């Protein structure tokens, strides 16, 4: 297999991509997305790595006689936060491909 510019240039591009990926992973850990359910009664904050970093529950939604509703609200907010986080990560990782002049290839795990 032939590489434009030779093997040395290909290795240089690979190192650059690795550095960009590592830097982006650090940035993603510091980015935040927020999701809510129940009209804002339950809020979930996630980082760009799909990790839940905070959950806020309004006192008004805590009813000892209806724990199932609270569980549903928490689960809905978590799912939304994870979806937003995944979308953010995909968008950020796609920008790396653009910086390298490469096409965004779906399914690379970003």
C-alpha atoms as a PDB file:
ATOM      1  CA  UNK A   1       0.000   0.000   0.000  1.00  0.00           C
ATOM      2  CA  UNK A   2       1.341   3.424  -0.982  1.00  0.00           C
ATOM      3  CA  UNK A   3       0.887   6.487   1.216  1.00  0.00           C
ATOM      4  CA  UNK A   4       0.956   9.983  -0.312  1.00  0.00           C
ATOM      5  CA  UNK A   5       4.151  11.547   0.995  1.00  0.00           C
ATOM      6  CA  UNK A   6       5.502   8.198   2.167  1.00  0.00           C
ATOM      7  CA  UNK A   7       5.377   6.245   5.399  1.00  0.00           C
ATOM      8  CA  UNK A   8       7.025   9.027   7.392  1.00  0.00           C
ATOM      9  CA  UNK A   9       4.242  11.452   6.450  1.00  0.00           C
ATOM     10  CA  UNK A  10       1.580   8.837   7.250  1.00  0.00           C
ATOM     11  CA  UNK A  11       3.053   8.304  10.740  1.00  0.00           C
ATOM     12  CA  UNK A  12       3.145  12.060  11.282  1.00  0.00           C
ATOM     13  CA  UNK A  13      -0.568  12.292  10.416  1.00  0.00           C
ATOM     14  CA  UNK A  14      -1.390   9.389  12.748  1.00  0.00           C
ATOM     15  CA  UNK A  15       0.453  11.065  15.649  1.00  0.00           C
ATOM     16  CA  UNK A  16      -1.356  14.333  14.931  1.00  0.00           C
ATOM     17  CA  UNK A  17      -4.698  12.537  14.939  1.00  0.00           C
ATOM     18  CA  UNK A  18      -3.888  10.781  18.235  1.00  0.00           C
ATOM     19  CA  UNK A  19      -2.944  14.101  19.842  1.00  0.00           C
ATOM     20  CA  UNK A  20      -6.125  15.751  18.606  1.00  0.00           C
ATOM     21  CA  UNK A  21      -8.237  12.822  19.855  1.00  0.00           C
ATOM     22  CA  UNK A  22      -6.641  12.921  23.319  1.00  0.00           C
ATOM     23  CA  UNK A  23      -7.131  16.675  23.559  1.00  0.00           C
ATOM     24  CA  UNK A  24     -10.751  16.376  22.419  1.00  0.00           C
ATOM     25  CA  UNK A  25     -11.430  13.638  25.003  1.00  0.00           C
ATOM     26  CA  UNK A  26     -10.190  16.013  27.731  1.00  0.00           C
ATOM     27  CA  UNK A  27     -12.377  18.803  26.373  1.00  0.00           C
ATOM     28  CA  UNK A  28     -15.392  16.482  26.290  1.00  0.00           C
ATOM     29  CA  UNK A  29     -14.876  15.639  29.967  1.00  0.00           C
ATOM     30  CA  UNK A  30     -15.253  19.346  30.748  1.00  0.00           C
ATOM     31  CA  UNK A  31     -18.274  20.067  28.523  1.00  0.00           C
ATOM     32  CA  UNK A  32     -21.752  19.840  30.026  1.00  0.00           C
ATOM     33  CA  UNK A  33     -25.233  19.156  28.691  1.00  0.00           C
ATOM     34  CA  UNK A  34     -28.445  19.432  30.689  1.00  0.00           C
ATOM     35  CA  UNK A  35     -31.678  17.523  30.301  1.00  0.00           C
ATOM     36  CA  UNK A  36     -34.866  17.731  32.309  1.00  0.00           C
ATOM     37  CA  UNK A  37     -38.199  16.043  32.752  1.00  0.00           C
ATOM     38  CA  UNK A  38     -41.391  16.812  34.579  1.00  0.00           C
ATOM     39  CA  UNK A  39     -41.324  20.426  33.453  1.00  0.00           C
ATOM     40  CA  UNK A  40     -37.868  20.921  34.942  1.00  0.00           C
ATOM     41  CA  UNK A  41     -38.617  19.144  38.218  1.00  0.00           C
ATOM     42  CA  UNK A  42     -35.812  16.661  37.523  1.00  0.00           C
ATOM     43  CA  UNK A  43     -32.576  17.863  35.913  1.00  0.00           C
ATOM     44  CA  UNK A  44     -29.642  15.721  34.878  1.00  0.00           C
ATOM     45  CA  UNK A  45     -26.236  17.070  33.885  1.00  0.00           C
ATOM     46  CA  UNK A  46     -23.859  14.933  31.807  1.00  0.00           C
ATOM     47  CA  UNK A  47     -20.430  15.614  30.393  1.00  0.00           C
ATOM     48  CA  UNK A  48     -19.360  15.046  26.804  1.00  0.00           C
ATOM     49  CA  UNK A  49     -18.318  11.505  27.655  1.00  0.00           C
ATOM     50  CA  UNK A  50     -21.896  10.448  28.450  1.00  0.00           C
ATOM     51  CA  UNK A  51     -21.094  10.405  32.173  1.00  0.00           C
ATOM     52  CA  UNK A  52     -23.782  11.686  34.531  1.00  0.00           C
ATOM     53  CA  UNK A  53     -22.179  14.335  36.743  1.00  0.00           C
ATOM     54  CA  UNK A  54     -25.169  15.775  38.611  1.00  0.00           C
ATOM     55  CA  UNK A  55     -28.848  15.157  39.297  1.00  0.00           C
ATOM     56  CA  UNK A  56     -31.160  17.800  40.752  1.00  0.00           C
ATOM     57  CA  UNK A  57     -34.642  16.933  42.024  1.00  0.00           C
ATOM     58  CA  UNK A  58     -37.172  19.541  43.114  1.00  0.00           C
ATOM     59  CA  UNK A  59     -38.739  18.841  46.507  1.00  0.00           C
ATOM     60  CA  UNK A  60     -42.209  19.253  45.010  1.00  0.00           C
ATOM     61  CA  UNK A  61     -41.828  16.107  42.899  1.00  0.00           C
ATOM     62  CA  UNK A  62     -40.872  13.889  45.842  1.00  0.00           C
ATOM     63  CA  UNK A  63     -44.040  12.078  46.876  1.00  0.00           C
ATOM     64  CA  UNK A  64     -43.506   9.014  49.083  1.00  0.00           C
ATOM     65  CA  UNK A  65     -46.795   7.648  47.757  1.00  0.00           C
ATOM     66  CA  UNK A  66     -45.669   7.856  44.116  1.00  0.00           C
ATOM     67  CA  UNK A  67     -42.044   6.752  43.934  1.00  0.00           C
ATOM     68  CA  UNK A  68     -42.642   5.216  40.496  1.00  0.00           C
ATOM     69  CA  UNK A  69     -43.366   8.619  38.964  1.00  0.00           C
ATOM     70  CA  UNK A  70     -40.113  10.019  40.371  1.00  0.00           C
ATOM     71  CA  UNK A  71     -38.196   7.011  39.059  1.00  0.00           C
ATOM     72  CA  UNK A  72     -39.729   7.535  35.605  1.00  0.00           C
ATOM     73  CA  UNK A  73     -38.819  11.236  35.621  1.00  0.00           C
ATOM     74  CA  UNK A  74     -35.231  10.488  36.642  1.00  0.00           C
ATOM     75  CA  UNK A  75     -34.871   7.788  34.000  1.00  0.00           C
ATOM     76  CA  UNK A  76     -36.309  10.040  31.279  1.00  0.00           C
ATOM     77  CA  UNK A  77     -33.928  12.882  32.170  1.00  0.00           C
ATOM     78  CA  UNK A  78     -30.929  10.519  32.250  1.00  0.00           C
ATOM     79  CA  UNK A  79     -31.771   9.088  28.833  1.00  0.00           C
ATOM     80  CA  UNK A  80     -32.139  12.572  27.362  1.00  0.00           C
ATOM     81  CA  UNK A  81     -28.855  13.737  28.929  1.00  0.00           C
ATOM     82  CA  UNK A  82     -27.022  10.706  27.544  1.00  0.00           C
ATOM     83  CA  UNK A  83     -28.481  11.283  24.066  1.00  0.00           C
ATOM     84  CA  UNK A  84     -27.453  14.954  24.143  1.00  0.00           C
ATOM     85  CA  UNK A  85     -23.987  13.998  25.372  1.00  0.00           C
ATOM     86  CA  UNK A  86     -23.549  11.426  22.619  1.00  0.00           C
ATOM     87  CA  UNK A  87     -24.636  13.943  19.988  1.00  0.00           C
ATOM     88  CA  UNK A  88     -22.185  16.502  21.380  1.00  0.00           C
ATOM     89  CA  UNK A  89     -19.322  13.973  21.348  1.00  0.00           C
ATOM     90  CA  UNK A  90     -20.082  12.938  17.760  1.00  0.00           C
ATOM     91  CA  UNK A  91     -20.144  16.552  16.628  1.00  0.00           C
ATOM     92  CA  UNK A  92     -16.869  17.326  18.407  1.00  0.00           C
ATOM     93  CA  UNK A  93     -15.120  14.234  17.066  1.00  0.00           C
ATOM     94  CA  UNK A  94     -16.332  14.978  13.538  1.00  0.00           C
ATOM     95  CA  UNK A  95     -14.578  18.326  13.818  1.00  0.00           C
ATOM     96  CA  UNK A  96     -11.280  16.461  14.272  1.00  0.00           C
ATOM     97  CA  UNK A  97     -11.806  14.686  10.973  1.00  0.00           C
ATOM     98  CA  UNK A  98     -12.361  18.074   9.354  1.00  0.00           C
ATOM     99  CA  UNK A  99      -9.180  19.483  10.919  1.00  0.00           C
ATOM    100  CA  UNK A 100      -7.244  16.612   9.396  1.00  0.00           C
ATOM    101  CA  UNK A 101      -8.921  17.072   6.031  1.00  0.00           C
ATOM    102  CA  UNK A 102     -10.554  13.641   6.279  1.00  0.00           C
ATOM    103  CA  UNK A 103     -14.193  12.770   5.607  1.00  0.00           C
ATOM    104  CA  UNK A 104     -16.386  12.019   8.611  1.00  0.00           C
ATOM    105  CA  UNK A 105     -16.814   8.265   8.538  1.00  0.00           C
ATOM    106  CA  UNK A 106     -19.934   7.061  10.424  1.00  0.00           C
ATOM    107  CA  UNK A 107     -19.445   4.110  12.759  1.00  0.00           C
ATOM    108  CA  UNK A 108     -15.911   4.878  13.931  1.00  0.00           C
ATOM    109  CA  UNK A 109     -17.120   4.926  17.521  1.00  0.00           C
ATOM    110  CA  UNK A 110     -17.469   8.692  17.873  1.00  0.00           C
END
